[in-house]
PDB file of N, CA and C in Angstrom:
ATOM      1  N   MET A   1       0.781  -1.212   0.006  1.00  0.00           N
ATOM      2  CA  MET A   1      -0.007   0.005   0.016  1.00  0.00           C
ATOM      3  C   MET A   1       0.856   1.259   0.022  1.00  0.00           C
ATOM      4  N   ALA A   2       2.000   1.210   0.687  1.00  0.00           N
ATOM      5  CA  ALA A   2       2.892   2.343   0.707  1.00  0.00           C
ATOM      6  C   ALA A   2       3.409   2.646  -0.672  1.00  0.00           C
ATOM      7  N   ALA A   3       3.715   1.582  -1.384  1.00  0.00           N
ATOM      8  CA  ALA A   3       4.247   1.757  -2.760  1.00  0.00           C
ATOM      9  C   ALA A   3       3.201   2.470  -3.656  1.00  0.00           C
ATOM     10  N   ASP A   4       1.909   2.104  -3.449  1.00  0.00           N
ATOM     11  CA  ASP A   4       0.873   2.767  -4.199  1.00  0.00           C
ATOM     12  C   ASP A   4       0.811   4.226  -3.926  1.00  0.00           C
ATOM     13  N   ARG A   5       0.957   4.614  -2.609  1.00  0.00           N
ATOM     14  CA  ARG A   5       0.939   6.027  -2.302  1.00  0.00           C
ATOM     15  C   ARG A   5       2.083   6.777  -2.950  1.00  0.00           C
ATOM     16  N   GLY A   6       3.271   6.186  -2.923  1.00  0.00           N
ATOM     17  CA  GLY A   6       4.441   6.814  -3.486  1.00  0.00           C
ATOM     18  C   GLY A   6       4.258   6.993  -4.992  1.00  0.00           C
ATOM     19  N   GLN A   7       3.698   5.962  -5.623  1.00  0.00           N
ATOM     20  CA  GLN A   7       3.461   6.042  -7.045  1.00  0.00           C
ATOM     21  C   GLN A   7       2.451   7.132  -7.392  1.00  0.00           C
ATOM     22  N   LEU A   8       1.385   7.223  -6.566  1.00  0.00           N
ATOM     23  CA  LEU A   8       0.384   8.279  -6.805  1.00  0.00           C
ATOM     24  C   LEU A   8       0.989   9.674  -6.592  1.00  0.00           C
ATOM     25  N   ALA A   9       1.878   9.772  -5.621  1.00  0.00           N
ATOM     26  CA  ALA A   9       2.496  11.082  -5.339  1.00  0.00           C
ATOM     27  C   ALA A   9       3.365  11.474  -6.530  1.00  0.00           C
ATOM     28  N   ARG A  10       4.108  10.547  -7.110  1.00  0.00           N
ATOM     29  CA  ARG A  10       4.947  10.879  -8.292  1.00  0.00           C
ATOM     30  C   ARG A  10       4.075  11.282  -9.448  1.00  0.00           C
ATOM     31  N   VAL A  11       2.976  10.551  -9.715  1.00  0.00           N
ATOM     32  CA  VAL A  11       2.094  10.886 -10.764  1.00  0.00           C
ATOM     33  C   VAL A  11       1.457  12.226 -10.561  1.00  0.00           C
ATOM     34  N   GLY A  12       1.041  12.497  -9.326  1.00  0.00           N
ATOM     35  CA  GLY A  12       0.451  13.786  -9.017  1.00  0.00           C
ATOM     36  C   GLY A  12       1.411  14.892  -9.186  1.00  0.00           C
ATOM     37  N   ALA A  13       2.668  14.700  -8.930  1.00  0.00           N
ATOM     38  CA  ALA A  13       3.654  15.744  -9.105  1.00  0.00           C
ATOM     39  C   ALA A  13       3.926  16.077 -10.562  1.00  0.00           C
ATOM     40  N   GLN A  14       3.734  15.074 -11.398  1.00  0.00           N
ATOM     41  CA  GLN A  14       4.006  15.292 -12.786  1.00  0.00           C
ATOM     42  C   GLN A  14       2.828  16.004 -13.538  1.00  0.00           C
ATOM     43  N   MET A  15       1.634  15.802 -13.054  1.00  0.00           N
ATOM     44  CA  MET A  15       0.451  16.390 -13.722  1.00  0.00           C
ATOM     45  C   MET A  15       0.125  17.718 -13.045  1.00  0.00           C
ATOM     46  N   SER A  16       0.064  18.765 -13.814  1.00  0.00           N
ATOM     47  CA  SER A  16      -0.296  20.074 -13.293  1.00  0.00           C
ATOM     48  C   SER A  16      -1.476  20.628 -14.064  1.00  0.00           C
ATOM     49  N   PHE A  17      -2.431  21.111 -13.357  1.00  0.00           N
ATOM     50  CA  PHE A  17      -3.556  21.788 -13.989  1.00  0.00           C
ATOM     51  C   PHE A  17      -3.342  23.280 -14.164  1.00  0.00           C
ATOM     52  N   ILE A  18      -2.246  23.777 -13.698  1.00  0.00           N
ATOM     53  CA  ILE A  18      -1.906  25.155 -13.774  1.00  0.00           C
ATOM     54  C   ILE A  18      -0.813  25.294 -14.836  1.00  0.00           C
ATOM     55  N   PRO A  19      -1.103  25.994 -15.967  1.00  0.00           N
ATOM     56  CA  PRO A  19      -0.125  26.098 -17.051  1.00  0.00           C
ATOM     57  C   PRO A  19       1.049  26.971 -16.566  1.00  0.00           C
ATOM     58  N   PRO A  20       2.215  26.675 -17.051  1.00  0.00           N
ATOM     59  CA  PRO A  20       3.346  27.538 -16.716  1.00  0.00           C
ATOM     60  C   PRO A  20       3.215  28.927 -17.266  1.00  0.00           C
ATOM     61  N   ARG A  21       3.805  29.899 -16.591  1.00  0.00           N
ATOM     62  CA  ARG A  21       3.695  31.318 -17.033  1.00  0.00           C
ATOM     63  C   ARG A  21       4.217  31.419 -18.516  1.00  0.00           C
ATOM     64  N   GLY A  22       3.397  32.007 -19.333  1.00  0.00           N
ATOM     65  CA  GLY A  22       3.756  32.134 -20.752  1.00  0.00           C
ATOM     66  C   GLY A  22       3.243  30.971 -21.599  1.00  0.00           C
ATOM     67  N   GLY A  23       2.750  29.919 -20.960  1.00  0.00           N
ATOM     68  CA  GLY A  23       2.180  28.811 -21.715  1.00  0.00           C
ATOM     69  C   GLY A  23       3.138  27.903 -22.308  1.00  0.00           C
ATOM     70  N   ARG A  24       3.153  26.645 -21.899  1.00  0.00           N
ATOM     71  CA  ARG A  24       3.962  25.572 -22.429  1.00  0.00           C
ATOM     72  C   ARG A  24       5.455  25.939 -22.474  1.00  0.00           C
ATOM     73  N   GLY A  25       5.967  26.602 -21.522  1.00  0.00           N
ATOM     74  CA  GLY A  25       7.360  26.888 -21.428  1.00  0.00           C
ATOM     75  C   GLY A  25       7.868  28.028 -22.310  1.00  0.00           C
ATOM     76  N   ARG A  26       6.954  28.737 -23.002  1.00  0.00           N
ATOM     77  CA  ARG A  26       7.368  29.827 -23.815  1.00  0.00           C
ATOM     78  C   ARG A  26       7.564  31.064 -22.956  1.00  0.00           C
ATOM     79  N   SER A  27       8.435  31.952 -23.428  1.00  0.00           N
ATOM     80  CA  SER A  27       8.552  33.216 -22.735  1.00  0.00           C
ATOM     81  C   SER A  27       7.350  34.071 -23.144  1.00  0.00           C
ATOM     82  N   ILE A  28       7.121  35.143 -22.386  1.00  0.00           N
ATOM     83  CA  ILE A  28       5.985  36.023 -22.686  1.00  0.00           C
ATOM     84  C   ILE A  28       6.171  36.639 -24.064  1.00  0.00           C
ATOM     85  N   ARG A  29       7.396  37.088 -24.436  1.00  0.00           N
ATOM     86  CA  ARG A  29       7.602  37.668 -25.729  1.00  0.00           C
ATOM     87  C   ARG A  29       7.337  36.650 -26.873  1.00  0.00           C
ATOM     88  N   ALA A  30       7.783  35.432 -26.682  1.00  0.00           N
ATOM     89  CA  ALA A  30       7.520  34.421 -27.696  1.00  0.00           C
ATOM     90  C   ALA A  30       6.028  34.101 -27.851  1.00  0.00           C
ATOM     91  N   MET A  31       5.315  34.106 -26.715  1.00  0.00           N
ATOM     92  CA  MET A  31       3.896  33.848 -26.756  1.00  0.00           C
ATOM     93  C   MET A  31       3.205  34.961 -27.558  1.00  0.00           C
ATOM     94  N   ARG A  32       3.604  36.223 -27.346  1.00  0.00           N
ATOM     95  CA  ARG A  32       3.001  37.325 -28.061  1.00  0.00           C
ATOM     96  C   ARG A  32       3.192  37.182 -29.572  1.00  0.00           C
ATOM     97  N   ARG A  33       4.441  36.795 -29.940  1.00  0.00           N
ATOM     98  CA  ARG A  33       4.741  36.603 -31.371  1.00  0.00           C
ATOM     99  C   ARG A  33       3.885  35.509 -31.956  1.00  0.00           C
ATOM    100  N   ALA A  34       3.685  34.411 -31.219  1.00  0.00           N
ATOM    101  CA  ALA A  34       2.956  33.260 -31.727  1.00  0.00           C
ATOM    102  C   ALA A  34       1.479  33.587 -31.924  1.00  0.00           C
ATOM    103  N   HIS A  35       0.929  34.462 -31.137  1.00  0.00           N
ATOM    104  CA  HIS A  35      -0.526  34.723 -31.225  1.00  0.00           C
ATOM    105  C   HIS A  35      -0.756  36.147 -31.720  1.00  0.00           C
ATOM    106  N   ARG A  36       0.072  36.676 -32.486  1.00  0.00           N
ATOM    107  CA  ARG A  36      -0.047  38.098 -32.908  1.00  0.00           C
ATOM    108  C   ARG A  36      -1.273  38.347 -33.804  1.00  0.00           C
ATOM    109  N   HIS A  37      -1.564  37.504 -34.715  1.00  0.00           N
ATOM    110  CA  HIS A  37      -2.601  37.775 -35.706  1.00  0.00           C
ATOM    111  C   HIS A  37      -3.865  36.951 -35.480  1.00  0.00           C
ATOM    112  N   VAL A  38      -4.098  36.489 -34.298  1.00  0.00           N
ATOM    113  CA  VAL A  38      -5.225  35.583 -34.041  1.00  0.00           C
ATOM    114  C   VAL A  38      -6.447  36.336 -33.538  1.00  0.00           C
ATOM    115  N   ARG A  39      -6.391  37.591 -33.321  1.00  0.00           N
ATOM    116  CA  ARG A  39      -7.532  38.312 -32.751  1.00  0.00           C
ATOM    117  C   ARG A  39      -8.689  38.357 -33.743  1.00  0.00           C
ATOM    118  N   PRO A  40      -9.883  37.894 -33.287  1.00  0.00           N
ATOM    119  CA  PRO A  40     -11.063  37.993 -34.158  1.00  0.00           C
ATOM    120  C   PRO A  40     -11.515  39.396 -34.248  1.00  0.00           C
ATOM    121  N   ASP A  41     -12.265  39.650 -35.409  1.00  0.00           N
ATOM    122  CA  ASP A  41     -12.778  40.951 -35.599  1.00  0.00           C
ATOM    123  C   ASP A  41     -14.257  40.820 -35.920  1.00  0.00           C
ATOM    124  N   PRO A  42     -15.110  40.632 -34.896  1.00  0.00           N
ATOM    125  CA  PRO A  42     -16.523  40.390 -35.178  1.00  0.00           C
ATOM    126  C   PRO A  42     -17.253  41.523 -35.888  1.00  0.00           C
ATOM    127  N   ASP A  43     -16.858  42.735 -35.572  1.00  0.00           N
ATOM    128  CA  ASP A  43     -17.495  43.893 -36.221  1.00  0.00           C
ATOM    129  C   ASP A  43     -17.169  43.959 -37.689  1.00  0.00           C
ATOM    130  N   GLY A  44     -15.874  43.725 -37.991  1.00  0.00           N
ATOM    131  CA  GLY A  44     -15.477  43.695 -39.421  1.00  0.00           C
ATOM    132  C   GLY A  44     -16.139  42.555 -40.152  1.00  0.00           C
ATOM    133  N   PHE A  45     -16.299  41.425 -39.533  1.00  0.00           N
ATOM    134  CA  PHE A  45     -16.981  40.324 -40.203  1.00  0.00           C
ATOM    135  C   PHE A  45     -18.441  40.693 -40.498  1.00  0.00           C
ATOM    136  N   MET A  46     -19.071  41.296 -39.490  1.00  0.00           N
ATOM    137  CA  MET A  46     -20.521  41.696 -39.707  1.00  0.00           C
ATOM    138  C   MET A  46     -20.648  42.702 -40.845  1.00  0.00           C
ATOM    139  N   ARG A  47     -19.759  43.645 -40.937  1.00  0.00           N
ATOM    140  CA  ARG A  47     -19.826  44.648 -42.037  1.00  0.00           C
ATOM    141  C   ARG A  47     -19.619  43.947 -43.399  1.00  0.00           C
ATOM    142  N   ARG A  48     -18.633  43.066 -43.462  1.00  0.00           N
ATOM    143  CA  ARG A  48     -18.393  42.389 -44.746  1.00  0.00           C
ATOM    144  C   ARG A  48     -19.560  41.405 -45.101  1.00  0.00           C
ATOM    145  N   TRP A  49     -20.084  40.703 -44.079  1.00  0.00           N
ATOM    146  CA  TRP A  49     -21.233  39.796 -44.312  1.00  0.00           C
ATOM    147  C   TRP A  49     -22.411  40.625 -44.802  1.00  0.00           C
ATOM    148  N   SER A  50     -22.694  41.745 -44.210  1.00  0.00           N
ATOM    149  CA  SER A  50     -23.808  42.628 -44.611  1.00  0.00           C
ATOM    150  C   SER A  50     -23.598  43.010 -46.059  1.00  0.00           C
ATOM    151  N   MET A  51     -22.409  43.434 -46.411  1.00  0.00           N
ATOM    152  CA  MET A  51     -22.138  43.843 -47.831  1.00  0.00           C
ATOM    153  C   MET A  51     -22.374  42.681 -48.777  1.00  0.00           C
ATOM    154  N   LEU A  52     -21.927  41.471 -48.373  1.00  0.00           N
ATOM    155  CA  LEU A  52     -22.106  40.285 -49.197  1.00  0.00           C
ATOM    156  C   LEU A  52     -23.588  40.029 -49.434  1.00  0.00           C
ATOM    157  N   MET A  53     -24.441  40.173 -48.383  1.00  0.00           N
ATOM    158  CA  MET A  53     -25.877  39.897 -48.532  1.00  0.00           C
ATOM    159  C   MET A  53     -26.478  40.986 -49.455  1.00  0.00           C
ATOM    160  N   ILE A  54     -26.044  42.245 -49.326  1.00  0.00           N
ATOM    161  CA  ILE A  54     -26.620  43.313 -50.167  1.00  0.00           C
ATOM    162  C   ILE A  54     -26.197  43.090 -51.623  1.00  0.00           C
ATOM    163  N   VAL A  55     -24.930  42.698 -51.860  1.00  0.00           N
ATOM    164  CA  VAL A  55     -24.430  42.533 -53.231  1.00  0.00           C
ATOM    165  C   VAL A  55     -25.049  41.298 -53.881  1.00  0.00           C
ATOM    166  N   SER A  56     -25.307  40.261 -53.096  1.00  0.00           N
ATOM    167  CA  SER A  56     -25.731  38.954 -53.667  1.00  0.00           C
ATOM    168  C   SER A  56     -27.225  38.842 -53.838  1.00  0.00           C
ATOM    169  N   PHE A  57     -28.042  39.579 -53.063  1.00  0.00           N
ATOM    170  CA  PHE A  57     -29.469  39.387 -53.148  1.00  0.00           C
ATOM    171  C   PHE A  57     -30.196  40.696 -53.295  1.00  0.00           C
ATOM    172  N   PRO A  58     -31.250  40.721 -54.123  1.00  0.00           N
ATOM    173  CA  PRO A  58     -31.982  41.986 -54.321  1.00  0.00           C
ATOM    174  C   PRO A  58     -32.838  42.422 -53.123  1.00  0.00           C
ATOM    175  N   SER A  59     -33.221  41.409 -52.273  1.00  0.00           N
ATOM    176  CA  SER A  59     -34.054  41.696 -51.113  1.00  0.00           C
ATOM    177  C   SER A  59     -33.756  40.731 -49.966  1.00  0.00           C
ATOM    178  N   ALA A  60     -34.225  41.095 -48.794  1.00  0.00           N
ATOM    179  CA  ALA A  60     -34.043  40.203 -47.639  1.00  0.00           C
ATOM    180  C   ALA A  60     -34.795  38.896 -47.846  1.00  0.00           C
ATOM    181  N   GLY A  61     -35.921  38.946 -48.486  1.00  0.00           N
ATOM    182  CA  GLY A  61     -36.716  37.717 -48.744  1.00  0.00           C
ATOM    183  C   GLY A  61     -35.938  36.758 -49.619  1.00  0.00           C
ATOM    184  N   ALA A  62     -35.255  37.241 -50.678  1.00  0.00           N
ATOM    185  CA  ALA A  62     -34.486  36.364 -51.526  1.00  0.00           C
ATOM    186  C   ALA A  62     -33.301  35.757 -50.734  1.00  0.00           C
ATOM    187  N   CYS A  63     -32.700  36.569 -49.928  1.00  0.00           N
ATOM    188  CA  CYS A  63     -31.587  36.085 -49.082  1.00  0.00           C
ATOM    189  C   CYS A  63     -32.112  34.988 -48.151  1.00  0.00           C
ATOM    190  N   GLY A  64     -33.253  35.167 -47.505  1.00  0.00           N
ATOM    191  CA  GLY A  64     -33.830  34.224 -46.561  1.00  0.00           C
ATOM    192  C   GLY A  64     -34.176  32.902 -47.276  1.00  0.00           C
ATOM    193  N   ARG A  65     -34.697  33.026 -48.473  1.00  0.00           N
ATOM    194  CA  ARG A  65     -35.044  31.774 -49.241  1.00  0.00           C
ATOM    195  C   ARG A  65     -33.803  31.001 -49.591  1.00  0.00           C
ATOM    196  N   HIS A  66     -32.755  31.726 -49.996  1.00  0.00           N
ATOM    197  CA  HIS A  66     -31.506  31.044 -50.354  1.00  0.00           C
ATOM    198  C   HIS A  66     -30.900  30.258 -49.195  1.00  0.00           C
ATOM    199  N   PHE A  67     -30.929  30.869 -48.021  1.00  0.00           N
ATOM    200  CA  PHE A  67     -30.296  30.214 -46.836  1.00  0.00           C
ATOM    201  C   PHE A  67     -31.288  29.409 -46.032  1.00  0.00           C
ATOM    202  N   GLY A  68     -32.552  29.491 -46.292  1.00  0.00           N
ATOM    203  CA  GLY A  68     -33.549  28.742 -45.547  1.00  0.00           C
ATOM    204  C   GLY A  68     -33.791  29.339 -44.121  1.00  0.00           C
ATOM    205  N   VAL A  69     -33.713  30.642 -44.077  1.00  0.00           N
ATOM    206  CA  VAL A  69     -33.951  31.355 -42.789  1.00  0.00           C
ATOM    207  C   VAL A  69     -35.140  32.333 -42.970  1.00  0.00           C
ATOM    208  N   THR A  70     -35.555  32.888 -41.867  1.00  0.00           N
ATOM    209  CA  THR A  70     -36.734  33.834 -41.980  1.00  0.00           C
ATOM    210  C   THR A  70     -36.242  35.144 -42.612  1.00  0.00           C
ATOM    211  N   ARG A  71     -37.215  35.926 -43.088  1.00  0.00           N
ATOM    212  CA  ARG A  71     -36.932  37.204 -43.667  1.00  0.00           C
ATOM    213  C   ARG A  71     -36.278  38.116 -42.631  1.00  0.00           C
ATOM    214  N   GLN A  72     -36.770  38.008 -41.361  1.00  0.00           N
ATOM    215  CA  GLN A  72     -36.205  38.863 -40.298  1.00  0.00           C
ATOM    216  C   GLN A  72     -34.735  38.561 -40.033  1.00  0.00           C
ATOM    217  N   THR A  73     -34.352  37.314 -40.085  1.00  0.00           N
ATOM    218  CA  THR A  73     -32.953  36.941 -39.927  1.00  0.00           C
ATOM    219  C   THR A  73     -32.112  37.522 -41.086  1.00  0.00           C
ATOM    220  N   ALA A  74     -32.631  37.415 -42.289  1.00  0.00           N
ATOM    221  CA  ALA A  74     -31.929  38.015 -43.435  1.00  0.00           C
ATOM    222  C   ALA A  74     -31.840  39.528 -43.312  1.00  0.00           C
ATOM    223  N   CYS A  75     -32.891  40.150 -42.774  1.00  0.00           N
ATOM    224  CA  CYS A  75     -32.794  41.631 -42.541  1.00  0.00           C
ATOM    225  C   CYS A  75     -31.756  41.923 -41.521  1.00  0.00           C
ATOM    226  N   ASN A  76     -31.636  41.146 -40.483  1.00  0.00           N
ATOM    227  CA  ASN A  76     -30.599  41.357 -39.485  1.00  0.00           C
ATOM    228  C   ASN A  76     -29.191  41.208 -40.052  1.00  0.00           C
ATOM    229  N   TRP A  77     -29.032  40.285 -40.950  1.00  0.00           N
ATOM    230  CA  TRP A  77     -27.748  40.113 -41.597  1.00  0.00           C
ATOM    231  C   TRP A  77     -27.432  41.307 -42.477  1.00  0.00           C
ATOM    232  N   ARG A  78     -28.415  41.789 -43.272  1.00  0.00           N
ATOM    233  CA  ARG A  78     -28.202  42.884 -44.168  1.00  0.00           C
ATOM    234  C   ARG A  78     -27.954  44.195 -43.348  1.00  0.00           C
ATOM    235  N   GLU A  79     -28.527  44.330 -42.183  1.00  0.00           N
ATOM    236  CA  GLU A  79     -28.281  45.555 -41.353  1.00  0.00           C
ATOM    237  C   GLU A  79     -27.163  45.425 -40.424  1.00  0.00           C
ATOM    238  N   ALA A  80     -26.412  44.275 -40.497  1.00  0.00           N
ATOM    239  CA  ALA A  80     -25.226  43.990 -39.694  1.00  0.00           C
ATOM    240  C   ALA A  80     -25.507  44.071 -38.184  1.00  0.00           C
ATOM    241  N   THR A  81     -26.665  43.554 -37.757  1.00  0.00           N
ATOM    242  CA  THR A  81     -26.920  43.487 -36.379  1.00  0.00           C
ATOM    243  C   THR A  81     -26.741  42.092 -35.783  1.00  0.00           C
ATOM    244  N   HIS A  82     -26.705  41.062 -36.596  1.00  0.00           N
ATOM    245  CA  HIS A  82     -26.479  39.700 -36.175  1.00  0.00           C
ATOM    246  C   HIS A  82     -25.567  38.989 -37.144  1.00  0.00           C
ATOM    247  N   ARG A  83     -24.812  37.989 -36.637  1.00  0.00           N
ATOM    248  CA  ARG A  83     -23.944  37.179 -37.448  1.00  0.00           C
ATOM    249  C   ARG A  83     -24.574  35.804 -37.689  1.00  0.00           C
ATOM    250  N   PRO A  84     -24.240  35.147 -38.785  1.00  0.00           N
ATOM    251  CA  PRO A  84     -24.743  33.793 -39.081  1.00  0.00           C
ATOM    252  C   PRO A  84     -23.973  32.717 -38.375  1.00  0.00           C
ATOM    253  N   TYR A  85     -24.507  31.555 -38.328  1.00  0.00           N
ATOM    254  CA  TYR A  85     -23.808  30.398 -37.789  1.00  0.00           C
ATOM    255  C   TYR A  85     -22.802  29.856 -38.814  1.00  0.00           C
ATOM    256  N   GLY A  86     -21.916  29.028 -38.409  1.00  0.00           N
ATOM    257  CA  GLY A  86     -20.867  28.492 -39.278  1.00  0.00           C
ATOM    258  C   GLY A  86     -21.408  27.732 -40.461  1.00  0.00           C
ATOM    259  N   ASP A  87     -22.489  27.003 -40.318  1.00  0.00           N
ATOM    260  CA  ASP A  87     -23.022  26.193 -41.425  1.00  0.00           C
ATOM    261  C   ASP A  87     -23.553  27.111 -42.561  1.00  0.00           C
ATOM    262  N   VAL A  88     -24.091  28.297 -42.111  1.00  0.00           N
ATOM    263  CA  VAL A  88     -24.532  29.245 -43.110  1.00  0.00           C
ATOM    264  C   VAL A  88     -23.372  29.858 -43.839  1.00  0.00           C
ATOM    265  N   VAL A  89     -22.311  30.148 -43.149  1.00  0.00           N
ATOM    266  CA  VAL A  89     -21.085  30.695 -43.802  1.00  0.00           C
ATOM    267  C   VAL A  89     -20.512  29.690 -44.774  1.00  0.00           C
ATOM    268  N   ASP A  90     -20.489  28.419 -44.372  1.00  0.00           N
ATOM    269  CA  ASP A  90     -20.000  27.399 -45.244  1.00  0.00           C
ATOM    270  C   ASP A  90     -20.856  27.275 -46.496  1.00  0.00           C
ATOM    271  N   PHE A  91     -22.149  27.349 -46.394  1.00  0.00           N
ATOM    272  CA  PHE A  91     -23.039  27.312 -47.502  1.00  0.00           C
ATOM    273  C   PHE A  91     -22.780  28.555 -48.430  1.00  0.00           C
ATOM    274  N   ALA A  92     -22.590  29.698 -47.805  1.00  0.00           N
ATOM    275  CA  ALA A  92     -22.306  30.892 -48.597  1.00  0.00           C
ATOM    276  C   ALA A  92     -20.984  30.781 -49.363  1.00  0.00           C
ATOM    277  N   ILE A  93     -20.003  30.175 -48.758  1.00  0.00           N
ATOM    278  CA  ILE A  93     -18.700  29.965 -49.494  1.00  0.00           C
ATOM    279  C   ILE A  93     -18.878  29.117 -50.706  1.00  0.00           C
ATOM    280  N   ARG A  94     -19.738  28.119 -50.576  1.00  0.00           N
ATOM    281  CA  ARG A  94     -19.940  27.193 -51.697  1.00  0.00           C
ATOM    282  C   ARG A  94     -20.896  27.698 -52.756  1.00  0.00           C
ATOM    283  N   THR A  95     -21.767  28.666 -52.392  1.00  0.00           N
ATOM    284  CA  THR A  95     -22.836  28.996 -53.362  1.00  0.00           C
ATOM    285  C   THR A  95     -22.785  30.472 -53.896  1.00  0.00           C
ATOM    286  N   LEU A  96     -22.086  31.309 -53.201  1.00  0.00           N
ATOM    287  CA  LEU A  96     -22.091  32.732 -53.638  1.00  0.00           C
ATOM    288  C   LEU A  96     -20.792  33.070 -54.344  1.00  0.00           C
ATOM    289  N   PRO A  97     -20.881  33.454 -55.605  1.00  0.00           N
ATOM    290  CA  PRO A  97     -19.675  33.728 -56.382  1.00  0.00           C
ATOM    291  C   PRO A  97     -18.863  34.944 -55.916  1.00  0.00           C
ATOM    292  N   ASP A  98     -19.526  35.871 -55.198  1.00  0.00           N
ATOM    293  CA  ASP A  98     -18.842  37.080 -54.725  1.00  0.00           C
ATOM    294  C   ASP A  98     -18.254  36.898 -53.334  1.00  0.00           C
ATOM    295  N   TYR A  99     -18.311  35.733 -52.782  1.00  0.00           N
ATOM    296  CA  TYR A  99     -17.915  35.547 -51.409  1.00  0.00           C
ATOM    297  C   TYR A  99     -16.396  35.944 -51.215  1.00  0.00           C
ATOM    298  N   ALA A 100     -15.543  35.439 -52.015  1.00  0.00           N
ATOM    299  CA  ALA A 100     -14.122  35.702 -51.861  1.00  0.00           C
ATOM    300  C   ALA A 100     -13.729  37.162 -52.065  1.00  0.00           C
ATOM    301  N   ARG A 101     -14.428  37.797 -53.005  1.00  0.00           N
ATOM    302  CA  ARG A 101     -14.151  39.220 -53.265  1.00  0.00           C
ATOM    303  C   ARG A 101     -14.584  40.105 -52.138  1.00  0.00           C
ATOM    304  N   VAL A 102     -15.794  39.855 -51.627  1.00  0.00           N
ATOM    305  CA  VAL A 102     -16.347  40.730 -50.596  1.00  0.00           C
ATOM    306  C   VAL A 102     -15.797  40.395 -49.240  1.00  0.00           C
ATOM    307  N   MET A 103     -15.616  39.137 -48.895  1.00  0.00           N
ATOM    308  CA  MET A 103     -15.180  38.745 -47.572  1.00  0.00           C
ATOM    309  C   MET A 103     -13.648  38.800 -47.442  1.00  0.00           C
ATOM    310  N   GLY A 104     -12.961  38.929 -48.556  1.00  0.00           N
ATOM    311  CA  GLY A 104     -11.506  38.997 -48.503  1.00  0.00           C
ATOM    312  C   GLY A 104     -10.828  37.626 -48.234  1.00  0.00           C
ATOM    313  N   ALA A 105     -11.485  36.599 -48.677  1.00  0.00           N
ATOM    314  CA  ALA A 105     -10.879  35.237 -48.426  1.00  0.00           C
ATOM    315  C   ALA A 105      -9.874  34.889 -49.452  1.00  0.00           C
TER     316      ALA A 105
END
């Protein structure tokens, strides 16, 4: 039984739920360099998505029919008050010819 406790103590000492400062042994400066361009821009995405909906569809109703959502949801996208889910973005990538030009992909 004592051997089991010693073994558990060694295993417990090896596993830490607190990450080291800087993450995985990196210095703070290296961590900043590694994550420099990862910041999301939700407002920019909403503006570009709104422009894509306006360029691609003559009305909110046409946009809603294309994506299978309500007219109100399509209006929210056109007015840049709400963002779509990922499956809708994926469908837009595959079906809208202006996606790359407007969204900057």
